[in-house]
Amino acid sequence: MPECTIVVPTYNRAGLIAETLDALLAQTQPAQQIIVIDDGSTDDTPQALSAYAPSVKYIRIENSGELVARNTGLHAAESPLVAFCDSDDIWSPDCLQTLAAQWQITPDLFPCYTNFRFLRDGALSSETKFESAPKNFWNDFKQTGPDAGIFETTITERLLQFQPFFPSCMMVSREKFLRAGGWDEGTTRLIGCDFATTLRVAANPPIGVIHRPLVAIRKLF
């Protein structure tokens, strides 16, 4: 199985990041590295993370936004595959193993995304994100396994109508992502700070997709 690094950008999540890291450290396939990029937190994040040394690498930067934090982790990663998990989201135990396995099936993958549920007040949503996609979204999707498959051509246009891919559900080939420019730091939350990057990645098939929900995306409001 290819070696993987998990990058965790964080800002003022001292009360939540332990649950996230505990889930990442309990993966059925251990990550080669887990790197937390502290984006200039002003709360007790450094103290919360001290209990995880040396299992988790800690890098602190000036407050620059989550895109810069993710790129900092991408450049610091030493593995051929890099996954991202925001510091308030929760991975299922087999998330990393399932994502990494897709490179054994399709070695030239650029990204792979997994399905997810929302987590509100400790309860998971009954519907997964992918279940809300329009039917034509999955046109030309090629199955590579019971819960997995690939898009062999660009899907940029369909993402303009429906966007089911979140950073916490994403693994990439580090080499290909760096070549494409990494996270686009020139965007703002007005259009969704990671959307430009998603479009950039979607223009570079093959794109892997896991239909089984392996991530809980926390909604605080």
Protein backbone atom coordinates (compact mmCIF):
# COMPACT_ATOMS: atom_id res chain seq x y z
CA MET A 1 0.00 0.00 0.00
CA PRO A 2 1.41 3.44 -0.86
CA GLU A 3 2.62 5.53 2.07
CA CYS A 4 0.47 8.50 3.01
CA THR A 5 0.76 11.77 4.90
CA ILE A 6 -2.29 13.40 6.51
CA VAL A 7 -2.27 17.19 6.69
CA VAL A 8 -4.48 18.82 9.33
CA PRO A 9 -4.86 22.62 9.12
CA THR A 10 -6.21 24.15 12.33
CA TYR A 11 -7.17 27.49 13.80
CA ASN A 12 -8.60 27.82 17.31
CA ARG A 13 -9.93 24.27 17.51
CA ALA A 14 -8.38 23.32 20.86
CA GLY A 15 -11.65 21.78 22.03
CA LEU A 16 -12.20 19.64 18.93
CA ILE A 17 -8.84 18.67 17.46
CA ALA A 18 -8.19 15.82 19.91
CA GLU A 19 -11.21 13.89 18.59
CA THR A 20 -9.97 14.43 15.03
CA LEU A 21 -6.42 13.29 15.80
CA ASP A 22 -7.58 10.28 17.81
CA ALA A 23 -9.52 9.11 14.75
CA LEU A 24 -6.52 9.65 12.47
CA LEU A 25 -4.19 7.76 14.81
CA ALA A 26 -6.66 4.85 14.96
CA GLN A 27 -6.66 4.19 11.20
CA THR A 28 -6.44 0.57 10.09
CA GLN A 29 -3.57 1.63 7.85
CA PRO A 30 -1.35 4.01 9.82
CA ALA A 31 -0.20 7.17 8.08
CA GLN A 32 3.52 7.62 7.53
CA GLN A 33 3.09 11.17 8.86
CA ILE A 34 0.39 13.27 10.46
CA ILE A 35 1.22 16.97 10.20
CA VAL A 36 -0.80 19.64 12.00
CA ILE A 37 -0.40 23.15 10.63
CA ASP A 38 -1.40 25.64 13.32
CA ASP A 39 -2.55 28.76 11.46
CA GLY A 40 -1.62 31.16 14.27
CA SER A 41 -4.19 29.94 16.82
CA THR A 42 -4.84 32.23 19.79
CA ASP A 43 -6.48 29.59 21.99
CA ASP A 44 -4.95 26.55 23.74
CA THR A 45 -4.26 24.63 20.52
CA PRO A 46 -0.48 24.30 21.17
CA GLN A 47 -1.15 22.85 24.63
CA ALA A 48 -3.80 20.48 23.27
CA LEU A 49 -1.34 19.20 20.67
CA SER A 50 1.55 18.73 23.07
CA ALA A 51 0.08 15.40 24.20
CA TYR A 52 0.41 14.04 20.64
CA ALA A 53 4.15 14.55 20.23
CA PRO A 54 6.05 12.88 18.65
CA SER A 55 3.31 10.93 16.85
CA VAL A 56 2.04 14.14 15.27
CA LYS A 57 4.33 16.72 13.69
CA TYR A 58 3.45 20.28 14.70
CA ILE A 59 4.16 23.30 12.49
CA ARG A 60 3.01 26.77 13.52
CA ILE A 61 2.70 29.62 10.99
CA GLU A 62 1.43 33.18 11.10
CA ASN A 63 -2.32 33.42 10.57
CA SER A 64 -2.61 33.17 6.78
CA GLY A 65 -5.79 31.18 6.13
CA GLU A 66 -6.53 27.50 5.62
CA LEU A 67 -5.31 27.39 2.02
CA VAL A 68 -1.83 28.56 2.99
CA ALA A 69 -1.89 26.13 5.92
CA ARG A 70 -2.77 23.22 3.63
CA ASN A 71 -0.03 24.17 1.17
CA THR A 72 2.46 24.37 4.04
CA GLY A 73 1.56 20.81 4.98
CA LEU A 74 1.66 19.68 1.35
CA HIS A 75 5.22 20.94 0.97
CA ALA A 76 6.27 19.41 4.30
CA ALA A 77 4.83 15.98 3.46
CA GLU A 78 7.28 13.19 2.67
CA SER A 79 4.86 10.61 1.27
CA PRO A 80 3.78 10.05 -2.35
CA LEU A 81 0.13 10.39 -1.30
CA VAL A 82 -1.24 13.25 0.80
CA ALA A 83 -4.68 13.43 2.41
CA PHE A 84 -6.30 16.41 4.10
CA CYS A 85 -8.55 16.50 7.16
CA ASP A 86 -9.85 19.67 8.78
CA SER A 87 -9.34 19.79 12.52
CA ASP A 88 -13.01 19.41 13.43
CA ASP A 89 -13.88 16.52 11.09
CA ILE A 90 -13.80 12.78 11.86
CA TRP A 91 -12.53 9.92 9.70
CA SER A 92 -13.87 6.37 9.84
CA PRO A 93 -11.17 3.85 10.84
CA ASP A 94 -10.68 2.51 7.30
CA CYS A 95 -10.77 5.87 5.51
CA LEU A 96 -7.05 6.14 4.76
CA GLN A 97 -6.71 2.49 3.79
CA THR A 98 -9.70 2.67 1.43
CA LEU A 99 -8.48 5.86 -0.25
CA ALA A 100 -4.88 4.68 -0.63
CA ALA A 101 -6.03 1.37 -2.11
CA GLN A 102 -7.42 3.20 -5.13
CA TRP A 103 -3.86 3.90 -6.32
CA GLN A 104 -3.26 0.15 -6.47
CA ILE A 105 -6.26 -0.14 -8.80
CA THR A 106 -5.57 3.02 -10.81
CA PRO A 107 -1.89 3.97 -10.36
CA ASP A 108 -2.16 7.21 -12.36
CA LEU A 109 -4.91 8.72 -10.18
CA PHE A 110 -4.54 12.42 -9.38
CA PRO A 111 -7.18 12.82 -6.64
CA CYS A 112 -9.59 10.51 -4.91
CA TYR A 113 -12.61 11.69 -2.91
CA THR A 114 -14.84 9.85 -0.50
CA ASN A 115 -18.51 10.37 0.33
CA PHE A 116 -19.45 11.86 3.71
CA ARG A 117 -22.21 12.67 6.17
CA PHE A 118 -22.71 15.87 8.13
CA LEU A 119 -22.22 15.79 11.90
CA ARG A 120 -24.44 18.18 13.88
CA ASP A 121 -24.71 18.16 17.67
CA GLY A 122 -23.20 14.68 17.81
CA ALA A 123 -25.64 13.16 15.29
CA LEU A 124 -24.84 12.07 11.74
CA SER A 125 -27.12 13.08 8.89
CA SER A 126 -29.26 10.28 7.49
CA GLU A 127 -28.46 11.27 3.90
CA THR A 128 -24.96 11.24 2.47
CA LYS A 129 -23.67 14.08 0.33
CA PHE A 130 -23.53 11.97 -2.81
CA GLU A 131 -27.18 10.97 -2.42
CA SER A 132 -28.19 14.58 -3.05
CA ALA A 133 -26.36 14.72 -6.40
CA PRO A 134 -28.45 15.11 -9.58
CA LYS A 135 -28.76 11.83 -11.47
CA ASN A 136 -26.71 13.01 -14.42
CA PHE A 137 -23.78 13.87 -12.16
CA TRP A 138 -22.62 10.24 -12.25
CA ASN A 139 -22.82 9.90 -16.03
CA ASP A 140 -19.68 8.30 -17.51
CA PHE A 141 -18.59 7.07 -14.08
CA LYS A 142 -16.55 3.86 -14.43
CA GLN A 143 -16.83 1.35 -11.61
CA THR A 144 -13.54 -0.07 -10.37
CA GLY A 145 -14.96 -1.84 -7.31
CA PRO A 146 -18.20 -2.32 -5.34
CA ASP A 147 -18.09 1.19 -3.82
CA ALA A 148 -15.50 2.88 -6.01
CA GLY A 149 -14.80 4.15 -9.48
CA ILE A 150 -13.24 6.87 -11.59
CA PHE A 151 -14.09 9.67 -13.94
CA GLU A 152 -11.78 9.28 -16.92
CA THR A 153 -12.52 12.73 -18.35
CA THR A 154 -12.74 16.22 -16.84
CA ILE A 155 -15.80 16.95 -14.67
CA THR A 156 -15.30 20.70 -14.27
CA GLU A 157 -18.61 21.69 -15.87
CA ARG A 158 -20.75 19.42 -13.71
CA LEU A 159 -19.08 20.77 -10.55
CA LEU A 160 -20.41 24.21 -11.43
CA GLN A 161 -23.90 22.80 -10.82
CA PHE A 162 -23.20 20.51 -7.87
CA GLN A 163 -20.11 20.29 -5.65
CA PRO A 164 -19.89 17.13 -3.50
CA PHE A 165 -16.13 17.10 -2.86
CA PHE A 166 -14.71 18.44 0.42
CA PRO A 167 -11.06 18.83 1.49
CA SER A 168 -11.46 16.45 4.46
CA CYS A 169 -12.47 13.72 2.00
CA MET A 170 -9.57 14.18 -0.39
CA MET A 171 -6.34 12.30 -1.10
CA VAL A 172 -3.97 13.33 -3.87
CA SER A 173 -0.80 12.32 -5.60
CA ARG A 174 1.61 14.78 -4.02
CA GLU A 175 3.70 15.09 -7.18
CA LYS A 176 0.70 15.80 -9.42
CA PHE A 177 -0.89 18.22 -6.96
CA LEU A 178 2.32 20.21 -6.60
CA ARG A 179 2.69 20.29 -10.38
CA ALA A 180 -0.85 21.68 -10.64
CA GLY A 181 -0.07 24.44 -8.15
CA GLY A 182 -1.48 22.96 -4.94
CA TRP A 183 -4.26 24.83 -3.17
CA ASP A 184 -5.25 28.02 -4.96
CA GLU A 185 -4.49 30.72 -2.39
CA GLY A 186 -6.00 33.50 -4.49
CA THR A 187 -9.64 32.72 -3.66
CA THR A 188 -11.87 33.84 -0.79
CA ARG A 189 -14.80 32.49 1.18
CA LEU A 190 -17.16 34.52 -1.02
CA ILE A 191 -17.03 31.70 -3.57
CA GLY A 192 -15.88 28.93 -1.24
CA CYS A 193 -12.18 29.09 -0.51
CA ASP A 194 -11.42 25.58 -1.78
CA PHE A 195 -13.74 25.61 -4.83
CA ALA A 196 -11.15 26.97 -7.27
CA THR A 197 -8.81 24.16 -6.24
CA THR A 198 -11.56 21.58 -6.73
CA LEU A 199 -12.14 22.86 -10.26
CA ARG A 200 -8.40 22.78 -10.95
CA VAL A 201 -8.16 19.18 -9.81
CA ALA A 202 -11.33 18.17 -11.69
CA ALA A 203 -9.68 19.20 -14.94
CA ASN A 204 -6.97 16.56 -14.46
CA PRO A 205 -8.45 13.04 -14.68
CA PRO A 206 -8.51 10.27 -13.73
CA ILE A 207 -10.51 11.27 -10.64
CA GLY A 208 -11.28 8.59 -8.08
CA VAL A 209 -14.47 8.46 -6.03
CA ILE A 210 -15.47 6.28 -3.06
CA HIS A 211 -19.26 6.13 -2.72
CA ARG A 212 -19.17 4.82 0.85
CA PRO A 213 -19.28 7.66 3.43
CA LEU A 214 -15.99 7.53 5.33
CA VAL A 215 -15.89 11.04 6.81
CA ALA A 216 -18.08 13.04 9.20
CA ILE A 217 -18.03 16.73 8.31
CA ARG A 218 -18.84 18.73 11.40
CA LYS A 219 -21.38 21.53 11.15
CA LEU A 220 -21.15 23.85 14.12
CA PHE A 221 -24.09 26.07 13.13
